[in-house]
Amino acid sequence: MAGSFGTYPIAVQTALQHFQSQVEARPDPFIRHIQPQLIDEARRAVASLLNVPTNECVFVKNASTGINTVLRNLVFKEGDVVVYFDTVYGAVEKTLVSLVETTPLQLRKVQYQLPISHDELVRRFLDVVAKAKAEGLKVRVAVFDTIVSMPGVRFPFERLIEACRAEGILSVVDGAHGIGQIPLDLGALQPDFLTTNCHKWLYTPGAAPSSTSPSQPTSHPDYSPHLLGLHPIPGLPRHPPSLMRSSSGKSAFEELFEFVATTDDTAYLCVPAALKFRSQVCGGEDRIYAYLEKLALEAGDIVAAALGTEVMQEPGLKPGEVSQLRRCAMATVRLPFAVSGGEEDPKKASARLTLQAAQVAEVAGEIQKALARDYGTFVPVFAHGGWLWTRLSAQVYLEKSDFEWVAGVLSELCNKLVKKFAEPKL
């Protein structure tokens, strides 16, 4: 099962081993002359898939690194605000908190609890922006996801990019779960910055190559990061000459991300092999996206039915109405375990087990350990909104029968835990 970390095909593994053998055999020629050309080839492949110019697309180690790089190269002044969302990825929130400690920046969080509609998410975002402006503050940046990590739901990133543009706010999009899972046309969307992980859904190796794309780097000159080379500081050299090539013809932005010493960048070079596999073996991007979304919908329904619970989706959907939260390759299914405290939920009366807050980590840990130890699989288990949930991930190497199997496994584990925690100890 694909619970947290996917894998990559043999064809991509072969490419990775080929590049690693080359760099080990002749490190200097490879790193100085061959690797930059191969990275350019990989950048062109990613840029084509995302529909952006190649010179706006570079590799960083992972999406969190990309978000961190962008945010730490923006110059914040008194009264500046970054707006972000309640389900932000933990590492990104830590970066934001760190920035508050070292700059005049203020934070405003959009508070909510999933499930919630896309309309309501956008409305709450605009309310937070309006309130900050009413306080005399200037909202400079908004940080939001394409697809939330946990719970695994699709975010209204397209509408939020438009809202940011209308409000004069820089959009910094955490697309960690974007590329390879859903169509991303950055040429049409025009976010200011987007970073995404190729290793999660595009089937590249686990070194986590990603692309940071400043789609409109000069549209907000007072925001532009000097250290990214987009706008040099007057009186200082634009950028030291490249160690790799003295006259590459590239921008400072591109050269800054071309070479990082003592790191193995061969995973970046595997993007063309991954895209070739997706095209020749899987039938192309559109076919992959359609299969993953269909399978995730089926998987969520199968597991929820087995557990007697529900899939996370907007409240009040009419029969036949499409859930926008579920338009991705992940499904979030409620386990029959409630968590005491917080808002009252009428559904809690149907919970098979109500956990105290201190028991949540223990129960989630037991499920996850048992999945790996006894069943050779894994799905994450986590608390949200007064319940325990699990996240399912569809992949091209999975089918309905895999989720029928894991539905039985989860049902069995839940039965064991109900017995263990509900029965009085003698």
Protein backbone atom coordinates (compact mmCIF):
# COMPACT_ATOMS: atom_id res chain seq x y z
CA MET A 1 0.00 0.00 0.00
CA ALA A 2 1.09 3.61 -0.52
CA GLY A 3 0.60 5.11 2.91
CA SER A 4 3.25 7.78 3.31
CA PHE A 5 6.12 7.04 0.98
CA GLY A 6 5.63 5.77 -2.54
CA THR A 7 8.20 4.09 -4.73
CA TYR A 8 9.60 4.39 -8.21
CA PRO A 9 9.77 1.95 -11.14
CA ILE A 10 12.71 -0.23 -12.11
CA ALA A 11 13.38 1.92 -15.17
CA VAL A 12 13.92 4.96 -12.93
CA GLN A 13 16.00 2.92 -10.48
CA THR A 14 18.22 1.86 -13.38
CA ALA A 15 18.67 5.49 -14.42
CA LEU A 16 19.56 6.49 -10.86
CA GLN A 17 22.17 3.76 -10.52
CA HIS A 18 23.63 4.71 -13.91
CA PHE A 19 24.11 8.34 -12.83
CA GLN A 20 25.52 7.34 -9.45
CA SER A 21 28.03 5.03 -11.13
CA GLN A 22 29.10 7.85 -13.44
CA VAL A 23 29.66 10.35 -10.65
CA GLU A 24 31.61 7.82 -8.60
CA ALA A 25 33.77 6.81 -11.56
CA ARG A 26 34.81 10.35 -12.56
CA PRO A 27 33.53 12.88 -10.01
CA ASP A 28 35.11 16.07 -11.38
CA PRO A 29 34.13 15.77 -15.05
CA PHE A 30 30.64 14.58 -14.12
CA ILE A 31 29.88 17.21 -11.48
CA ARG A 32 31.51 20.10 -13.31
CA HIS A 33 30.45 19.45 -16.88
CA ILE A 34 27.97 16.60 -17.34
CA GLN A 35 25.65 17.08 -14.37
CA PRO A 36 24.75 20.74 -15.14
CA GLN A 37 23.60 19.68 -18.62
CA LEU A 38 21.56 16.80 -17.21
CA ILE A 39 19.99 19.08 -14.60
CA ASP A 40 19.03 21.47 -17.40
CA GLU A 41 17.41 18.55 -19.23
CA ALA A 42 15.46 17.63 -16.10
CA ARG A 43 14.45 21.26 -15.56
CA ARG A 44 13.17 21.46 -19.12
CA ALA A 45 11.11 18.31 -18.54
CA VAL A 46 9.55 19.66 -15.31
CA ALA A 47 8.97 23.09 -16.84
CA SER A 48 7.18 21.54 -19.81
CA LEU A 49 4.94 19.50 -17.54
CA LEU A 50 4.10 22.56 -15.41
CA ASN A 51 3.83 24.86 -18.44
CA VAL A 52 6.37 27.43 -17.27
CA PRO A 53 9.58 28.76 -18.85
CA THR A 54 12.61 26.69 -17.98
CA ASN A 55 14.43 29.72 -16.57
CA GLU A 56 11.72 30.01 -13.89
CA CYS A 57 12.16 26.43 -12.70
CA VAL A 58 14.95 25.13 -10.46
CA PHE A 59 15.52 22.16 -8.17
CA VAL A 60 15.67 22.24 -4.39
CA LYS A 61 15.81 19.32 -1.97
CA ASN A 62 12.10 19.23 -1.12
CA ALA A 63 8.99 21.39 -1.01
CA SER A 64 9.61 22.56 2.56
CA THR A 65 13.10 23.70 1.57
CA GLY A 66 11.60 25.61 -1.34
CA ILE A 67 9.02 27.37 0.83
CA ASN A 68 11.71 28.15 3.41
CA THR A 69 14.02 29.56 0.74
CA VAL A 70 11.35 31.87 -0.65
CA LEU A 71 10.10 33.14 2.71
CA ARG A 72 13.56 33.77 4.12
CA ASN A 73 14.56 35.83 1.10
CA LEU A 74 11.66 38.23 1.34
CA VAL A 75 12.22 41.52 3.15
CA PHE A 76 9.54 42.14 5.78
CA LYS A 77 8.76 45.52 7.35
CA GLU A 78 6.73 46.71 10.31
CA GLY A 79 3.06 45.97 9.73
CA ASP A 80 3.68 43.18 7.21
CA VAL A 81 1.53 40.07 7.57
CA VAL A 82 1.69 36.51 6.25
CA VAL A 83 -1.65 34.71 6.12
CA TYR A 84 -1.66 30.92 6.27
CA PHE A 85 -4.10 28.11 6.97
CA ASP A 86 -4.90 25.88 9.92
CA THR A 87 -3.85 22.68 8.11
CA VAL A 88 -0.44 24.04 7.11
CA TYR A 89 2.38 21.50 6.97
CA GLY A 90 4.24 21.49 10.29
CA ALA A 91 7.67 22.35 8.88
CA VAL A 92 6.24 25.35 7.04
CA GLU A 93 4.57 26.68 10.19
CA LYS A 94 7.87 26.35 12.05
CA THR A 95 9.51 28.50 9.37
CA LEU A 96 6.80 31.13 9.78
CA VAL A 97 7.17 31.17 13.56
CA SER A 98 10.93 31.48 13.18
CA LEU A 99 10.48 34.48 10.86
CA VAL A 100 8.32 36.20 13.47
CA GLU A 101 11.18 35.78 15.95
CA THR A 102 13.75 37.38 13.61
CA THR A 103 11.79 39.95 11.55
CA PRO A 104 8.96 42.47 12.12
CA LEU A 105 6.56 40.03 10.45
CA GLN A 106 3.14 39.21 11.93
CA LEU A 107 1.12 36.06 11.26
CA ARG A 108 -2.59 35.57 10.76
CA LYS A 109 -3.97 32.04 10.61
CA VAL A 110 -7.19 31.09 8.83
CA GLN A 111 -8.93 28.96 11.45
CA TYR A 112 -11.23 26.08 10.48
CA GLN A 113 -11.82 22.38 10.87
CA LEU A 114 -12.16 19.90 8.04
CA PRO A 115 -14.42 18.91 6.40
CA ILE A 116 -15.29 22.35 5.05
CA SER A 117 -16.27 23.52 1.57
CA HIS A 118 -13.93 25.29 -0.82
CA ASP A 119 -16.30 28.25 -0.85
CA GLU A 120 -16.05 28.58 2.92
CA LEU A 121 -12.26 28.27 2.89
CA VAL A 122 -11.94 31.10 0.38
CA ARG A 123 -14.45 33.21 2.32
CA ARG A 124 -12.55 32.75 5.57
CA PHE A 125 -9.29 33.65 3.86
CA LEU A 126 -10.74 36.90 2.52
CA ASP A 127 -12.21 37.67 5.96
CA VAL A 128 -8.76 37.31 7.57
CA VAL A 129 -7.23 39.54 4.89
CA ALA A 130 -9.95 42.17 5.34
CA LYS A 131 -9.57 42.15 9.12
CA ALA A 132 -5.78 42.59 8.87
CA LYS A 133 -6.22 45.52 6.51
CA ALA A 134 -8.78 47.06 8.87
CA GLU A 135 -6.10 46.94 11.57
CA GLY A 136 -3.83 49.01 9.35
CA LEU A 137 -1.61 46.05 8.45
CA LYS A 138 -0.37 45.03 5.02
CA VAL A 139 -0.87 41.42 3.95
CA ARG A 140 2.23 40.70 1.91
CA VAL A 141 2.17 36.91 1.50
CA ALA A 142 -0.32 34.04 1.64
CA VAL A 143 0.93 30.46 2.07
CA PHE A 144 -1.38 27.59 1.13
CA ASP A 145 -1.40 24.05 -0.26
CA THR A 146 -2.47 22.44 -3.49
CA ILE A 147 -3.40 19.30 -1.53
CA VAL A 148 -3.25 19.17 2.26
CA SER A 149 -0.96 16.46 3.61
CA MET A 150 -3.17 15.35 6.52
CA PRO A 151 -6.09 15.21 6.23
CA GLY A 152 -5.47 14.36 2.58
CA VAL A 153 -7.85 16.70 0.75
CA ARG A 154 -7.66 18.98 -2.27
CA PHE A 155 -7.37 22.67 -1.44
CA PRO A 156 -8.94 25.53 -3.48
CA PHE A 157 -5.49 26.71 -4.56
CA GLU A 158 -6.65 27.92 -7.97
CA ARG A 159 -9.19 30.29 -6.41
CA LEU A 160 -6.76 31.39 -3.70
CA ILE A 161 -4.14 32.30 -6.32
CA GLU A 162 -6.75 34.46 -8.06
CA ALA A 163 -7.79 36.03 -4.75
CA CYS A 164 -4.16 36.85 -3.93
CA ARG A 165 -3.68 38.48 -7.30
CA ALA A 166 -6.81 40.60 -6.82
CA GLU A 167 -5.68 41.63 -3.32
CA GLY A 168 -2.06 42.37 -4.31
CA ILE A 169 -0.73 39.53 -2.15
CA LEU A 170 2.17 37.26 -3.06
CA SER A 171 1.00 33.66 -3.39
CA VAL A 172 3.45 31.07 -2.06
CA VAL A 173 2.00 27.66 -2.87
CA ASP A 174 3.08 24.50 -1.07
CA GLY A 175 2.48 21.99 -3.83
CA ALA A 176 4.30 19.11 -2.13
CA HIS A 177 1.52 16.74 -3.17
CA GLY A 178 0.87 18.44 -6.51
CA ILE A 179 3.04 17.36 -9.42
CA GLY A 180 2.15 13.89 -10.66
CA GLN A 181 -1.10 13.69 -8.69
CA ILE A 182 -3.22 16.42 -10.32
CA PRO A 183 -2.85 18.62 -13.40
CA LEU A 184 -0.83 21.76 -12.67
CA ASP A 185 -0.81 24.43 -15.37
CA LEU A 186 1.26 27.17 -13.78
CA GLY A 187 1.27 29.12 -17.01
CA ALA A 188 -2.48 29.56 -16.63
CA LEU A 189 -2.57 29.82 -12.83
CA GLN A 190 0.39 32.20 -12.51
CA PRO A 191 1.23 31.77 -8.82
CA ASP A 192 4.11 33.91 -7.62
CA PHE A 193 5.94 30.92 -6.17
CA LEU A 194 5.15 27.22 -6.14
CA THR A 195 7.27 24.38 -4.86
CA THR A 196 6.46 20.70 -5.35
CA ASN A 197 7.94 17.26 -4.67
CA CYS A 198 8.70 15.02 -7.62
CA HIS A 199 9.31 12.01 -5.39
CA LYS A 200 5.79 11.78 -3.97
CA TRP A 201 3.70 11.23 -7.10
CA LEU A 202 5.96 11.65 -10.14
CA TYR A 203 7.93 8.44 -9.40
CA THR A 204 11.41 9.85 -8.97
CA PRO A 205 13.79 8.59 -6.23
CA GLY A 206 13.47 9.59 -2.61
CA ALA A 207 16.03 12.38 -2.60
CA ALA A 208 12.96 14.54 -3.15
CA PRO A 209 13.68 16.80 -6.09
CA SER A 210 11.25 19.63 -6.42
CA SER A 211 10.81 22.71 -8.50
CA THR A 212 10.44 26.26 -7.30
CA SER A 213 8.79 28.42 -9.88
CA PRO A 214 8.61 32.19 -9.45
CA SER A 215 6.03 32.64 -12.18
CA GLN A 216 6.06 36.44 -11.93
CA PRO A 217 9.27 37.32 -10.14
CA THR A 218 9.26 40.98 -11.17
CA SER A 219 5.59 41.79 -10.64
CA HIS A 220 6.20 42.93 -7.06
CA PRO A 221 9.65 44.57 -7.00
CA ASP A 222 9.40 45.52 -3.31
CA TYR A 223 8.95 41.86 -2.41
CA SER A 224 11.56 40.38 -4.71
CA PRO A 225 14.17 38.24 -2.93
CA HIS A 226 17.66 39.67 -3.44
CA LEU A 227 19.36 36.46 -2.45
CA LEU A 228 17.52 34.57 -5.17
CA GLY A 229 19.22 36.85 -7.67
CA LEU A 230 15.99 38.26 -9.03
CA HIS A 231 16.82 41.85 -8.07
CA PRO A 232 20.42 42.57 -7.10
CA ILE A 233 21.17 44.94 -4.25
CA PRO A 234 22.53 48.21 -5.72
CA GLY A 235 26.30 48.49 -5.42
CA LEU A 236 26.88 44.76 -4.91
CA PRO A 237 27.91 42.20 -7.55
CA ARG A 238 24.90 40.53 -9.10
CA HIS A 239 26.22 37.06 -8.43
CA PRO A 240 29.64 35.42 -8.10
CA PRO A 241 30.70 33.47 -11.19
CA SER A 242 29.54 29.88 -11.42
CA LEU A 243 31.93 27.17 -10.28
CA MET A 244 30.57 24.90 -12.97
CA ARG A 245 30.63 27.03 -16.11
CA SER A 246 31.92 30.54 -16.56
CA SER A 247 29.46 31.61 -19.26
CA SER A 248 26.31 29.55 -19.04
CA GLY A 249 23.99 32.30 -20.22
CA LYS A 250 21.71 31.61 -17.26
CA SER A 251 20.19 34.04 -14.83
CA ALA A 252 21.57 34.40 -11.31
CA PHE A 253 18.40 32.71 -10.07
CA GLU A 254 19.15 29.59 -12.11
CA GLU A 255 22.85 29.46 -11.24
CA LEU A 256 22.23 29.80 -7.51
CA PHE A 257 20.36 26.49 -7.48
CA GLU A 258 22.49 24.58 -9.96
CA PHE A 259 25.14 23.27 -7.62
CA VAL A 260 25.21 22.52 -3.89
CA ALA A 261 28.43 20.94 -2.68
CA THR A 262 28.53 17.53 -0.94
CA THR A 263 24.99 16.53 -1.94
CA ASP A 264 23.92 13.71 -4.21
CA ASP A 265 21.83 15.39 -6.90
CA THR A 266 21.45 12.34 -9.13
CA ALA A 267 17.79 12.01 -8.15
CA TYR A 268 17.13 15.27 -10.02
CA LEU A 269 18.50 13.71 -13.17
CA CYS A 270 15.88 10.94 -13.10
CA VAL A 271 12.91 13.19 -13.90
CA PRO A 272 13.08 12.51 -17.68
CA ALA A 273 13.15 8.74 -17.02
CA ALA A 274 10.13 9.04 -14.72
CA LEU A 275 8.18 11.05 -17.28
CA LYS A 276 9.11 8.53 -19.98
CA PHE A 277 7.76 5.71 -17.79
CA ARG A 278 4.55 7.63 -17.14
CA SER A 279 4.08 8.21 -20.85
CA GLN A 280 5.08 4.85 -22.30
CA VAL A 281 3.92 2.48 -19.55
CA CYS A 282 1.09 4.34 -17.83
CA GLY A 283 -0.44 5.98 -20.88
CA GLY A 284 0.38 9.60 -20.10
CA GLU A 285 -0.48 12.23 -17.53
CA ASP A 286 -4.21 12.57 -18.19
CA ARG A 287 -4.76 8.84 -17.94
CA ILE A 288 -2.80 8.68 -14.68
CA TYR A 289 -4.73 11.56 -13.08
CA ALA A 290 -8.07 10.03 -14.06
CA TYR A 291 -7.13 6.60 -12.74
CA LEU A 292 -5.79 7.91 -9.44
CA GLU A 293 -8.83 10.07 -8.70
CA LYS A 294 -11.26 7.27 -9.61
CA LEU A 295 -9.37 4.73 -7.51
CA ALA A 296 -9.12 7.11 -4.52
CA LEU A 297 -12.89 7.67 -4.64
CA GLU A 298 -13.51 3.93 -4.72
CA ALA A 299 -10.91 3.25 -2.01
CA GLY A 300 -12.41 5.76 0.40
CA ASP A 301 -15.93 4.38 -0.07
CA ILE A 302 -14.74 0.78 0.34
CA VAL A 303 -12.89 1.41 3.61
CA ALA A 304 -15.59 3.67 5.06
CA ALA A 305 -18.26 1.04 4.34
CA ALA A 306 -16.18 -1.67 6.04
CA LEU A 307 -15.68 0.50 9.12
CA GLY A 308 -19.23 1.83 9.21
CA THR A 309 -17.97 5.41 9.04
CA GLU A 310 -17.54 8.04 6.31
CA VAL A 311 -15.07 9.66 3.94
CA MET A 312 -14.06 13.24 4.61
CA GLN A 313 -15.97 15.47 2.20
CA GLU A 314 -17.96 18.68 2.25
CA PRO A 315 -21.03 18.59 4.51
CA GLY A 316 -24.42 18.62 2.82
CA LEU A 317 -23.40 17.24 -0.58
CA LYS A 318 -26.42 16.33 -2.71
CA PRO A 319 -26.64 12.91 -4.40
CA GLY A 320 -24.43 12.90 -7.48
CA GLU A 321 -22.67 16.13 -6.46
CA VAL A 322 -18.88 15.95 -6.79
CA SER A 323 -16.80 16.55 -3.68
CA GLN A 324 -14.10 19.11 -4.41
CA LEU A 325 -12.12 17.95 -1.37
CA ARG A 326 -11.87 14.46 -2.89
CA ARG A 327 -10.70 15.49 -6.36
CA CYS A 328 -7.21 14.07 -5.89
CA ALA A 329 -5.47 10.74 -5.38
CA MET A 330 -6.00 10.59 -1.62
CA ALA A 331 -9.00 9.78 0.55
CA THR A 332 -9.36 10.47 4.26
CA VAL A 333 -11.59 8.00 6.11
CA ARG A 334 -12.88 8.35 9.65
CA LEU A 335 -12.08 5.54 12.06
CA PRO A 336 -14.78 4.59 14.61
CA PHE A 337 -12.74 6.19 17.41
CA ALA A 338 -13.79 9.56 18.83
CA VAL A 339 -11.54 11.84 20.88
CA SER A 340 -13.06 13.36 23.99
CA GLY A 341 -13.24 17.13 24.43
CA GLY A 342 -13.58 19.87 21.84
CA GLU A 343 -16.78 20.64 19.98
CA GLU A 344 -19.74 18.37 20.47
CA ASP A 345 -20.43 16.10 17.49
CA PRO A 346 -23.71 14.15 17.29
CA LYS A 347 -21.86 11.39 15.45
CA LYS A 348 -19.81 10.67 18.58
CA ALA A 349 -22.75 8.72 19.93
CA SER A 350 -21.96 6.10 17.28
CA ALA A 351 -18.27 5.88 18.15
CA ARG A 352 -17.12 2.40 19.07
CA LEU A 353 -14.51 3.84 21.37
CA THR A 354 -13.97 7.30 22.87
CA LEU A 355 -10.36 8.10 23.62
CA GLN A 356 -8.90 10.54 26.07
CA ALA A 357 -6.43 12.98 24.54
CA ALA A 358 -3.55 11.16 26.21
CA GLN A 359 -4.57 7.89 24.51
CA VAL A 360 -4.62 9.21 20.94
CA ALA A 361 -0.91 8.79 20.23
CA GLU A 362 -0.90 5.33 21.80
CA VAL A 363 -3.84 4.05 19.74
CA ALA A 364 -2.60 5.61 16.50
CA GLY A 365 0.85 4.17 17.16
CA GLU A 366 -0.52 0.70 17.83
CA ILE A 367 -2.45 0.67 14.56
CA GLN A 368 0.52 1.86 12.52
CA LYS A 369 2.97 -0.55 14.16
CA ALA A 370 0.61 -3.48 13.67
CA LEU A 371 0.08 -2.58 10.01
CA ALA A 372 3.81 -2.68 9.33
CA ARG A 373 4.66 -5.58 11.64
CA ASP A 374 1.77 -7.97 11.02
CA TYR A 375 0.42 -7.02 7.60
CA GLY A 376 3.36 -5.57 5.67
CA THR A 377 1.58 -2.32 4.87
CA PHE A 378 1.08 1.17 6.26
CA VAL A 379 -1.44 3.99 6.32
CA PRO A 380 -1.09 7.05 8.56
CA VAL A 381 -3.51 7.44 11.46
CA PHE A 382 -4.06 10.86 13.02
CA ALA A 383 -6.52 12.93 15.04
CA HIS A 384 -8.52 15.76 13.53
CA GLY A 385 -11.74 17.40 14.60
CA GLY A 386 -12.45 15.06 17.49
CA TRP A 387 -11.91 11.80 15.59
CA LEU A 388 -9.17 9.46 14.46
CA TRP A 389 -8.76 9.28 10.68
CA THR A 390 -6.69 7.35 8.19
CA ARG A 391 -5.39 8.56 4.84
CA LEU A 392 -5.40 6.31 1.78
CA SER A 393 -3.28 6.95 -1.31
CA ALA A 394 -4.12 5.63 -4.77
CA GLN A 395 -1.24 4.71 -7.07
CA VAL A 396 -0.93 3.24 -10.55
CA TYR A 397 0.35 -0.02 -9.04
CA LEU A 398 -2.76 -0.40 -6.83
CA GLU A 399 -6.31 -1.48 -7.61
CA LYS A 400 -9.66 -1.89 -5.82
CA SER A 401 -8.78 -5.29 -4.39
CA ASP A 402 -5.86 -3.76 -2.48
CA PHE A 403 -8.23 -1.42 -0.65
CA GLU A 404 -10.76 -4.18 -0.06
CA TRP A 405 -7.95 -6.04 1.68
CA VAL A 406 -6.82 -3.07 3.78
CA ALA A 407 -10.46 -2.39 4.71
CA GLY A 408 -10.58 -5.85 6.30
CA VAL A 409 -7.25 -5.28 8.02
CA LEU A 410 -8.35 -1.96 9.52
CA SER A 411 -11.65 -3.44 10.63
CA GLU A 412 -9.81 -6.27 12.39
CA LEU A 413 -7.41 -3.89 14.11
CA CYS A 414 -10.24 -1.63 15.25
CA ASN A 415 -12.02 -4.65 16.76
CA LYS A 416 -8.88 -5.58 18.69
CA LEU A 417 -8.41 -2.05 20.01
CA VAL A 418 -12.05 -1.74 21.07
CA LYS A 419 -11.64 -4.91 23.08
CA LYS A 420 -8.33 -3.78 24.58
CA PHE A 421 -9.34 -0.26 25.60
CA ALA A 422 -13.06 -0.68 26.31
CA GLU A 423 -12.91 -3.70 28.61
CA PRO A 424 -12.24 -2.88 32.29
CA LYS A 425 -8.84 -3.99 33.56
CA LEU A 426 -9.05 -6.45 36.47
